[in-house]
Amino acid sequence: LLAAVLLRPGLAWLASPAGTALPAQTRTAYNFDDDFQVIGYDLNSRQFSPGDALRLNVYWYPLRASDVNFSSFLHVSTGGPPVAQVDQLHPGGRAISEWWTPEGYIYDPYRVTLPPDIAPGEYSLFVGLYTCELMPPGECGNGYRPTVTDAEGEELGDTLFLGTITVR
């Protein structure tokens, strides 16, 4: 009974409305290579103060099973190095090679505290995936990052821009 309750769409890490994120505030359709898609996200606010907690939930949809594990990240940036970031070993706490299948999406929550000395202004939010598994031994650097494409197939780079926030 508990499994039946937790596997209802939006209540747990897996739901399966065929690539749609019903509970997502913002629906999207951005592919990461031909393997994964961001189908939506939730953001707790667009206005923040220094020291506030930014909470972002990303809905990842596996387009096919993968035997490669990726880590995910959220970067808060003005275009240069991130002023705040969070990396997660497994998106949604689930190893891609073991848990991700096209039968449902992964709910991936991020929480990052903005620095207490962050300057007022506009900041961009970027999410992405990376892995060292596809890099030569000892040469991981920033890892392999899948190419992001929009719904029309246009390449956008190796991170997904989700919009801006304002720090007052």
N, C-alpha and C. Protein backbone atom coordinates (compact mmCIF):
# COMPACT_ATOMS: atom_id res chain seq x y z
N LEU A 1 0.82 -1.20 0.00
CA LEU A 1 0.00 0.00 0.00
C LEU A 1 0.86 1.25 0.00
N LEU A 2 1.92 1.25 0.82
CA LEU A 2 2.83 2.40 0.87
C LEU A 2 3.46 2.65 -0.49
N ALA A 3 3.89 1.60 -1.18
CA ALA A 3 4.49 1.75 -2.51
C ALA A 3 3.48 2.34 -3.49
N ALA A 4 2.25 1.92 -3.42
CA ALA A 4 1.24 2.46 -4.33
C ALA A 4 1.02 3.94 -4.09
N VAL A 5 1.06 4.38 -2.85
CA VAL A 5 0.89 5.80 -2.53
C VAL A 5 2.09 6.59 -3.00
N LEU A 6 3.31 6.11 -2.72
CA LEU A 6 4.52 6.85 -3.07
C LEU A 6 4.79 6.90 -4.56
N LEU A 7 4.28 5.97 -5.32
CA LEU A 7 4.53 5.96 -6.75
C LEU A 7 3.48 6.73 -7.55
N ARG A 8 2.55 7.40 -6.85
CA ARG A 8 1.60 8.26 -7.55
C ARG A 8 2.35 9.46 -8.11
N PRO A 9 2.00 9.96 -9.29
CA PRO A 9 2.71 11.09 -9.90
C PRO A 9 2.83 12.27 -8.96
N GLY A 10 4.06 12.79 -8.87
CA GLY A 10 4.33 13.99 -8.09
C GLY A 10 4.62 13.75 -6.63
N LEU A 11 4.43 12.54 -6.12
CA LEU A 11 4.67 12.29 -4.71
C LEU A 11 6.01 11.64 -4.44
N ALA A 12 6.62 11.07 -5.40
CA ALA A 12 7.88 10.38 -5.20
C ALA A 12 8.81 10.68 -6.37
N TRP A 13 9.88 9.95 -6.45
CA TRP A 13 10.87 10.21 -7.49
C TRP A 13 10.43 9.74 -8.86
N LEU A 14 9.45 8.88 -8.94
CA LEU A 14 9.04 8.32 -10.23
C LEU A 14 7.57 8.59 -10.48
N ALA A 15 7.28 9.05 -11.67
CA ALA A 15 5.91 9.17 -12.15
C ALA A 15 5.97 8.97 -13.66
N SER A 16 4.87 8.67 -14.28
CA SER A 16 5.01 8.32 -15.69
C SER A 16 3.91 8.87 -16.61
N PRO A 17 3.71 10.15 -16.63
CA PRO A 17 2.76 10.68 -17.61
C PRO A 17 3.43 10.92 -18.96
N ALA A 18 4.19 9.96 -19.45
CA ALA A 18 4.81 9.97 -20.78
C ALA A 18 5.53 11.28 -21.10
N GLY A 19 6.45 11.69 -20.25
CA GLY A 19 7.28 12.83 -20.56
C GLY A 19 6.73 14.18 -20.15
N THR A 20 5.65 14.21 -19.39
CA THR A 20 5.14 15.49 -18.92
C THR A 20 5.27 15.55 -17.41
N ALA A 21 5.56 16.72 -16.91
CA ALA A 21 5.70 16.90 -15.46
C ALA A 21 4.46 17.62 -14.96
N LEU A 22 3.44 16.90 -14.67
CA LEU A 22 2.18 17.51 -14.27
C LEU A 22 2.33 18.45 -13.08
N PRO A 23 3.13 18.13 -12.06
CA PRO A 23 3.22 19.05 -10.93
C PRO A 23 4.17 20.23 -11.15
N ALA A 24 4.89 20.29 -12.25
CA ALA A 24 5.88 21.35 -12.47
C ALA A 24 5.22 22.70 -12.68
N GLN A 25 5.79 23.74 -12.05
CA GLN A 25 5.31 25.11 -12.26
C GLN A 25 5.57 25.55 -13.69
N THR A 26 6.76 25.22 -14.20
CA THR A 26 7.17 25.62 -15.53
C THR A 26 7.47 24.36 -16.34
N ARG A 27 6.81 24.21 -17.47
CA ARG A 27 7.06 23.06 -18.33
C ARG A 27 8.07 23.45 -19.40
N THR A 28 8.97 22.52 -19.70
CA THR A 28 10.02 22.76 -20.69
C THR A 28 10.19 21.50 -21.55
N ALA A 29 11.04 21.59 -22.55
CA ALA A 29 11.39 20.43 -23.38
C ALA A 29 12.79 20.66 -23.93
N TYR A 30 13.80 20.39 -23.09
CA TYR A 30 15.19 20.54 -23.48
C TYR A 30 15.89 19.20 -23.36
N ASN A 31 16.53 18.77 -24.45
CA ASN A 31 17.23 17.49 -24.46
C ASN A 31 18.69 17.66 -24.08
N PHE A 32 19.23 16.66 -23.42
CA PHE A 32 20.65 16.53 -23.11
C PHE A 32 21.14 15.34 -23.91
N ASP A 33 21.87 15.62 -25.01
CA ASP A 33 22.16 14.61 -26.03
C ASP A 33 20.82 13.99 -26.42
N ASP A 34 20.80 12.74 -26.71
CA ASP A 34 19.53 12.07 -27.01
C ASP A 34 19.14 11.14 -25.87
N ASP A 35 19.66 11.45 -24.68
CA ASP A 35 19.48 10.56 -23.54
C ASP A 35 18.48 11.04 -22.50
N PHE A 36 18.49 12.35 -22.21
CA PHE A 36 17.69 12.89 -21.11
C PHE A 36 17.01 14.17 -21.55
N GLN A 37 15.93 14.51 -20.86
CA GLN A 37 15.20 15.72 -21.17
C GLN A 37 14.76 16.38 -19.86
N VAL A 38 14.88 17.70 -19.80
CA VAL A 38 14.27 18.45 -18.70
C VAL A 38 12.87 18.81 -19.17
N ILE A 39 11.87 18.29 -18.46
CA ILE A 39 10.48 18.50 -18.87
C ILE A 39 9.76 19.52 -18.00
N GLY A 40 10.45 20.03 -16.97
CA GLY A 40 9.85 21.05 -16.14
C GLY A 40 10.69 21.35 -14.93
N TYR A 41 10.30 22.43 -14.24
CA TYR A 41 10.99 22.80 -13.00
C TYR A 41 10.10 23.67 -12.14
N ASP A 42 10.41 23.71 -10.85
CA ASP A 42 9.75 24.58 -9.87
C ASP A 42 10.84 25.44 -9.25
N LEU A 43 10.54 26.70 -9.00
CA LEU A 43 11.46 27.61 -8.32
C LEU A 43 10.67 28.32 -7.24
N ASN A 44 11.25 28.38 -6.02
CA ASN A 44 10.51 28.93 -4.90
C ASN A 44 10.26 30.43 -5.00
N SER A 45 11.06 31.17 -5.78
CA SER A 45 10.85 32.61 -5.95
C SER A 45 11.73 33.11 -7.07
N ARG A 46 11.47 34.31 -7.54
CA ARG A 46 12.37 35.00 -8.49
C ARG A 46 13.04 36.18 -7.80
N GLN A 47 12.63 36.48 -6.55
CA GLN A 47 13.18 37.60 -5.78
C GLN A 47 13.82 37.03 -4.51
N PHE A 48 15.08 37.41 -4.26
CA PHE A 48 15.80 36.90 -3.11
C PHE A 48 16.57 38.01 -2.42
N SER A 49 16.95 37.75 -1.19
CA SER A 49 17.85 38.62 -0.43
C SER A 49 19.11 37.82 -0.13
N PRO A 50 20.22 38.50 0.15
CA PRO A 50 21.44 37.76 0.53
C PRO A 50 21.14 36.80 1.68
N GLY A 51 21.69 35.60 1.60
CA GLY A 51 21.50 34.59 2.63
C GLY A 51 20.23 33.76 2.49
N ASP A 52 19.35 34.11 1.56
CA ASP A 52 18.12 33.34 1.35
C ASP A 52 18.43 31.97 0.75
N ALA A 53 17.52 31.05 0.97
CA ALA A 53 17.62 29.71 0.37
C ALA A 53 16.85 29.69 -0.93
N LEU A 54 17.55 29.32 -1.99
CA LEU A 54 16.94 29.12 -3.30
C LEU A 54 16.64 27.63 -3.42
N ARG A 55 15.39 27.32 -3.73
CA ARG A 55 14.99 25.92 -3.90
C ARG A 55 14.47 25.73 -5.33
N LEU A 56 15.08 24.79 -6.00
CA LEU A 56 14.73 24.48 -7.39
C LEU A 56 14.50 22.98 -7.49
N ASN A 57 13.41 22.60 -8.12
CA ASN A 57 13.12 21.19 -8.40
C ASN A 57 13.13 21.01 -9.91
N VAL A 58 13.94 20.10 -10.39
CA VAL A 58 14.03 19.82 -11.82
C VAL A 58 13.42 18.45 -12.08
N TYR A 59 12.66 18.36 -13.17
CA TYR A 59 12.03 17.10 -13.58
C TYR A 59 12.78 16.58 -14.79
N TRP A 60 13.57 15.52 -14.59
CA TRP A 60 14.35 14.90 -15.66
C TRP A 60 13.56 13.72 -16.20
N TYR A 61 13.53 13.60 -17.53
CA TYR A 61 12.88 12.46 -18.16
C TYR A 61 13.91 11.71 -18.99
N PRO A 62 14.17 10.44 -18.66
CA PRO A 62 15.10 9.64 -19.46
C PRO A 62 14.46 9.26 -20.79
N LEU A 63 15.12 9.59 -21.88
CA LEU A 63 14.60 9.23 -23.20
C LEU A 63 14.91 7.78 -23.54
N ARG A 64 15.90 7.22 -22.86
CA ARG A 64 16.25 5.81 -23.00
C ARG A 64 17.09 5.43 -21.79
N ALA A 65 17.21 4.14 -21.56
CA ALA A 65 18.04 3.66 -20.46
C ALA A 65 19.50 3.98 -20.75
N SER A 66 20.29 4.18 -19.71
CA SER A 66 21.70 4.53 -19.87
C SER A 66 22.53 3.69 -18.93
N ASP A 67 23.73 3.32 -19.36
CA ASP A 67 24.63 2.60 -18.47
C ASP A 67 25.70 3.54 -17.91
N VAL A 68 25.56 4.85 -18.17
CA VAL A 68 26.50 5.86 -17.68
C VAL A 68 25.83 6.65 -16.56
N ASN A 69 26.53 6.83 -15.45
CA ASN A 69 26.01 7.65 -14.36
C ASN A 69 26.49 9.09 -14.50
N PHE A 70 25.58 10.01 -14.35
CA PHE A 70 25.88 11.43 -14.41
C PHE A 70 25.62 12.05 -13.04
N SER A 71 26.32 13.14 -12.77
CA SER A 71 26.01 14.00 -11.64
C SER A 71 25.28 15.21 -12.21
N SER A 72 24.51 15.89 -11.36
CA SER A 72 23.79 17.08 -11.81
C SER A 72 24.26 18.29 -11.02
N PHE A 73 23.99 19.48 -11.58
CA PHE A 73 24.39 20.69 -10.88
C PHE A 73 23.41 21.82 -11.12
N LEU A 74 23.43 22.77 -10.20
CA LEU A 74 22.75 24.05 -10.31
C LEU A 74 23.80 25.12 -10.08
N HIS A 75 23.92 26.07 -11.01
CA HIS A 75 24.84 27.20 -10.87
C HIS A 75 24.02 28.49 -10.86
N VAL A 76 24.38 29.39 -9.95
CA VAL A 76 23.85 30.74 -9.90
C VAL A 76 25.00 31.64 -10.31
N SER A 77 24.82 32.41 -11.40
CA SER A 77 25.96 33.10 -11.99
C SER A 77 25.54 34.41 -12.65
N THR A 78 26.52 35.30 -12.83
CA THR A 78 26.32 36.51 -13.62
C THR A 78 26.97 36.36 -14.99
N GLY A 79 27.42 35.17 -15.31
CA GLY A 79 28.08 34.90 -16.58
C GLY A 79 29.48 34.36 -16.39
N GLY A 80 30.09 34.61 -15.25
CA GLY A 80 31.41 34.08 -14.94
C GLY A 80 31.27 32.85 -14.06
N PRO A 81 32.27 32.63 -13.20
CA PRO A 81 32.16 31.50 -12.26
C PRO A 81 30.92 31.64 -11.37
N PRO A 82 30.35 30.53 -10.96
CA PRO A 82 29.15 30.60 -10.12
C PRO A 82 29.42 31.33 -8.80
N VAL A 83 28.44 32.12 -8.36
CA VAL A 83 28.51 32.75 -7.04
C VAL A 83 27.91 31.83 -5.99
N ALA A 84 27.11 30.87 -6.44
CA ALA A 84 26.55 29.83 -5.58
C ALA A 84 26.28 28.63 -6.47
N GLN A 85 26.45 27.44 -5.91
CA GLN A 85 26.21 26.23 -6.69
C GLN A 85 25.97 25.05 -5.78
N VAL A 86 25.37 24.02 -6.36
CA VAL A 86 25.21 22.75 -5.69
C VAL A 86 25.37 21.66 -6.75
N ASP A 87 26.14 20.63 -6.40
CA ASP A 87 26.33 19.46 -7.26
C ASP A 87 25.73 18.27 -6.53
N GLN A 88 25.14 17.36 -7.30
CA GLN A 88 24.54 16.17 -6.73
C GLN A 88 25.10 14.95 -7.46
N LEU A 89 25.60 14.01 -6.68
CA LEU A 89 26.20 12.81 -7.25
C LEU A 89 25.25 12.08 -8.18
N HIS A 90 24.01 11.93 -7.76
CA HIS A 90 22.99 11.28 -8.58
C HIS A 90 21.76 12.17 -8.59
N PRO A 91 21.31 12.63 -9.77
CA PRO A 91 20.09 13.43 -9.82
C PRO A 91 18.93 12.70 -9.16
N GLY A 92 18.25 13.39 -8.28
CA GLY A 92 17.12 12.78 -7.57
C GLY A 92 17.53 11.70 -6.60
N GLY A 93 18.85 11.58 -6.33
CA GLY A 93 19.33 10.56 -5.41
C GLY A 93 19.33 9.16 -6.00
N ARG A 94 19.15 9.06 -7.32
CA ARG A 94 19.06 7.75 -7.98
C ARG A 94 20.14 7.61 -9.04
N ALA A 95 20.93 6.55 -8.97
CA ALA A 95 21.95 6.30 -9.98
C ALA A 95 21.28 6.08 -11.34
N ILE A 96 21.72 6.82 -12.34
CA ILE A 96 21.09 6.76 -13.65
C ILE A 96 21.13 5.35 -14.23
N SER A 97 22.27 4.69 -14.12
CA SER A 97 22.40 3.37 -14.74
C SER A 97 21.51 2.32 -14.07
N GLU A 98 21.09 2.56 -12.84
CA GLU A 98 20.26 1.58 -12.13
C GLU A 98 18.77 1.94 -12.10
N TRP A 99 18.43 3.22 -12.12
CA TRP A 99 17.06 3.63 -11.86
C TRP A 99 16.36 4.34 -12.99
N TRP A 100 17.11 5.00 -13.88
CA TRP A 100 16.46 5.84 -14.88
C TRP A 100 16.01 5.01 -16.08
N THR A 101 14.73 5.02 -16.36
CA THR A 101 14.17 4.36 -17.54
C THR A 101 13.11 5.29 -18.14
N PRO A 102 12.76 5.12 -19.39
CA PRO A 102 11.73 5.95 -20.01
C PRO A 102 10.33 5.71 -19.47
N GLU A 103 10.22 4.96 -18.40
CA GLU A 103 8.90 4.69 -17.82
C GLU A 103 8.45 5.79 -16.88
N GLY A 104 9.30 6.76 -16.57
CA GLY A 104 8.90 7.82 -15.67
C GLY A 104 9.95 8.89 -15.55
N TYR A 105 9.62 9.96 -14.86
CA TYR A 105 10.58 11.04 -14.70
C TYR A 105 11.18 11.03 -13.30
N ILE A 106 12.29 11.75 -13.16
CA ILE A 106 13.00 11.85 -11.89
C ILE A 106 12.81 13.26 -11.34
N TYR A 107 12.38 13.35 -10.11
CA TYR A 107 12.20 14.61 -9.38
C TYR A 107 13.53 14.89 -8.69
N ASP A 108 14.19 15.99 -9.04
CA ASP A 108 15.55 16.29 -8.59
C ASP A 108 15.57 17.62 -7.84
N PRO A 109 15.47 17.61 -6.49
CA PRO A 109 15.43 18.86 -5.73
C PRO A 109 16.84 19.41 -5.43
N TYR A 110 16.99 20.72 -5.58
CA TYR A 110 18.23 21.42 -5.23
C TYR A 110 17.90 22.48 -4.18
N ARG A 111 18.84 22.70 -3.28
CA ARG A 111 18.72 23.79 -2.31
C ARG A 111 20.10 24.41 -2.19
N VAL A 112 20.17 25.72 -2.41
CA VAL A 112 21.43 26.43 -2.28
C VAL A 112 21.16 27.73 -1.52
N THR A 113 22.01 28.02 -0.54
CA THR A 113 21.90 29.26 0.20
C THR A 113 22.76 30.31 -0.49
N LEU A 114 22.13 31.42 -0.83
CA LEU A 114 22.87 32.51 -1.46
C LEU A 114 23.85 33.10 -0.46
N PRO A 115 25.04 33.49 -0.90
CA PRO A 115 26.03 34.03 0.03
C PRO A 115 25.49 35.28 0.74
N PRO A 116 25.86 35.47 2.01
CA PRO A 116 25.37 36.64 2.74
C PRO A 116 25.90 37.97 2.17
N ASP A 117 27.00 37.90 1.42
CA ASP A 117 27.59 39.11 0.84
C ASP A 117 27.34 39.22 -0.67
N ILE A 118 26.38 38.47 -1.20
CA ILE A 118 26.08 38.53 -2.64
C ILE A 118 25.60 39.94 -2.99
N ALA A 119 26.11 40.46 -4.09
CA ALA A 119 25.74 41.81 -4.53
C ALA A 119 24.33 41.82 -5.10
N PRO A 120 23.61 42.91 -4.90
CA PRO A 120 22.28 43.02 -5.52
C PRO A 120 22.42 42.98 -7.04
N GLY A 121 21.42 42.43 -7.71
CA GLY A 121 21.44 42.38 -9.16
C GLY A 121 20.72 41.17 -9.71
N GLU A 122 20.88 40.98 -11.02
CA GLU A 122 20.28 39.85 -11.73
C GLU A 122 21.29 38.71 -11.82
N TYR A 123 20.81 37.50 -11.57
CA TYR A 123 21.64 36.31 -11.63
C TYR A 123 20.94 35.26 -12.47
N SER A 124 21.72 34.53 -13.25
CA SER A 124 21.18 33.47 -14.10
C SER A 124 21.25 32.13 -13.40
N LEU A 125 20.28 31.28 -13.67
CA LEU A 125 20.24 29.91 -13.15
C LEU A 125 20.54 28.94 -14.29
N PHE A 126 21.50 28.06 -14.06
CA PHE A 126 21.89 27.05 -15.05
C PHE A 126 21.87 25.68 -14.39
N VAL A 127 21.37 24.68 -15.09
CA VAL A 127 21.45 23.30 -14.64
C VAL A 127 22.13 22.48 -15.73
N GLY A 128 22.68 21.35 -15.31
CA GLY A 128 23.33 20.48 -16.28
C GLY A 128 23.70 19.15 -15.68
N LEU A 129 24.28 18.33 -16.52
CA LEU A 129 24.75 17.00 -16.14
C LEU A 129 26.22 16.89 -16.53
N TYR A 130 26.97 16.07 -15.78
CA TYR A 130 28.36 15.79 -16.14
C TYR A 130 28.75 14.43 -15.60
N THR A 131 29.76 13.85 -16.23
CA THR A 131 30.29 12.56 -15.79
C THR A 131 31.77 12.48 -16.13
N CYS A 132 32.50 11.73 -15.33
CA CYS A 132 33.89 11.43 -15.65
C CYS A 132 34.01 10.09 -16.36
N GLU A 133 32.94 9.30 -16.39
CA GLU A 133 32.96 7.97 -16.97
C GLU A 133 33.28 7.98 -18.46
N LEU A 134 33.01 9.07 -19.15
CA LEU A 134 33.24 9.14 -20.59
C LEU A 134 34.53 9.89 -20.94
N MET A 135 35.34 10.18 -19.93
CA MET A 135 36.59 10.91 -20.14
C MET A 135 37.77 9.94 -20.01
N PRO A 136 38.91 10.27 -20.62
CA PRO A 136 40.10 9.43 -20.45
C PRO A 136 40.50 9.37 -18.98
N PRO A 137 41.03 8.24 -18.51
CA PRO A 137 41.44 8.11 -17.11
C PRO A 137 42.39 9.25 -16.70
N GLY A 138 42.09 9.86 -15.55
CA GLY A 138 42.93 10.93 -15.02
C GLY A 138 42.74 12.28 -15.68
N GLU A 139 41.79 12.39 -16.62
CA GLU A 139 41.58 13.65 -17.34
C GLU A 139 40.12 14.11 -17.25
N CYS A 140 39.56 14.13 -16.06
CA CYS A 140 38.14 14.47 -15.95
C CYS A 140 37.89 15.96 -16.14
N GLY A 141 38.67 16.83 -15.52
CA GLY A 141 38.40 18.26 -15.62
C GLY A 141 36.98 18.55 -15.18
N ASN A 142 36.19 19.22 -16.04
CA ASN A 142 34.78 19.46 -15.76
C ASN A 142 33.91 18.28 -16.18
N GLY A 143 34.54 17.22 -16.65
CA GLY A 143 33.81 16.03 -17.06
C GLY A 143 33.17 16.20 -18.42
N TYR A 144 32.58 15.11 -18.89
CA TYR A 144 31.81 15.16 -20.13
C TYR A 144 30.44 15.74 -19.80
N ARG A 145 30.02 16.73 -20.55
CA ARG A 145 28.70 17.33 -20.39
C ARG A 145 27.92 17.13 -21.68
N PRO A 146 26.71 16.57 -21.59
CA PRO A 146 25.90 16.39 -22.79
C PRO A 146 25.52 17.73 -23.41
N THR A 147 25.34 17.74 -24.71
CA THR A 147 24.91 18.94 -25.42
C THR A 147 23.41 19.14 -25.21
N VAL A 148 23.04 20.38 -24.89
CA VAL A 148 21.65 20.73 -24.66
C VAL A 148 21.06 21.27 -25.96
N THR A 149 19.87 20.76 -26.32
CA THR A 149 19.15 21.26 -27.50
C THR A 149 17.72 21.61 -27.11
N ASP A 150 17.15 22.58 -27.83
CA ASP A 150 15.77 22.96 -27.56
C ASP A 150 14.82 22.08 -28.38
N ALA A 151 13.53 22.38 -28.32
CA ALA A 151 12.51 21.56 -28.99
C ALA A 151 12.68 21.52 -30.50
N GLU A 152 13.33 22.54 -31.07
CA GLU A 152 13.57 22.58 -32.52
C GLU A 152 14.90 21.93 -32.89
N GLY A 153 15.65 21.44 -31.92
CA GLY A 153 16.93 20.80 -32.17
C GLY A 153 18.12 21.75 -32.21
N GLU A 154 17.90 23.02 -31.88
CA GLU A 154 19.00 23.99 -31.87
C GLU A 154 19.91 23.75 -30.66
N GLU A 155 21.21 23.67 -30.90
CA GLU A 155 22.18 23.45 -29.82
C GLU A 155 22.33 24.71 -28.98
N LEU A 156 22.29 24.53 -27.65
CA LEU A 156 22.35 25.65 -26.72
C LEU A 156 23.61 25.64 -25.86
N GLY A 157 24.49 24.67 -26.05
CA GLY A 157 25.69 24.55 -25.22
C GLY A 157 25.62 23.32 -24.35
N ASP A 158 26.32 23.37 -23.21
CA ASP A 158 26.34 22.20 -22.33
C ASP A 158 25.70 22.45 -20.97
N THR A 159 24.99 23.59 -20.85
CA THR A 159 24.19 23.86 -19.65
C THR A 159 22.85 24.42 -20.10
N LEU A 160 21.85 24.26 -19.26
CA LEU A 160 20.51 24.76 -19.57
C LEU A 160 20.23 26.01 -18.76
N PHE A 161 20.00 27.12 -19.44
CA PHE A 161 19.61 28.37 -18.81
C PHE A 161 18.13 28.29 -18.44
N LEU A 162 17.81 28.45 -17.15
CA LEU A 162 16.42 28.38 -16.70
C LEU A 162 15.80 29.74 -16.44
N GLY A 163 16.56 30.81 -16.60
CA GLY A 163 16.00 32.14 -16.34
C GLY A 163 16.84 32.87 -15.32
N THR A 164 16.31 33.99 -14.87
CA THR A 164 17.04 34.84 -13.93
C THR A 164 16.30 34.99 -12.63
N ILE A 165 17.06 35.35 -11.62
CA ILE A 165 16.52 35.74 -10.32
C ILE A 165 17.07 37.14 -10.02
N THR A 166 16.42 37.83 -9.12
CA THR A 166 16.89 39.14 -8.69
C THR A 166 17.23 39.07 -7.21
N VAL A 167 18.40 39.58 -6.88
CA VAL A 167 18.81 39.71 -5.48
C VAL A 167 18.69 41.19 -5.14
N ARG A 168 17.96 41.49 -4.07
CA ARG A 168 17.77 42.89 -3.64
C ARG A 168 18.71 43.24 -2.52
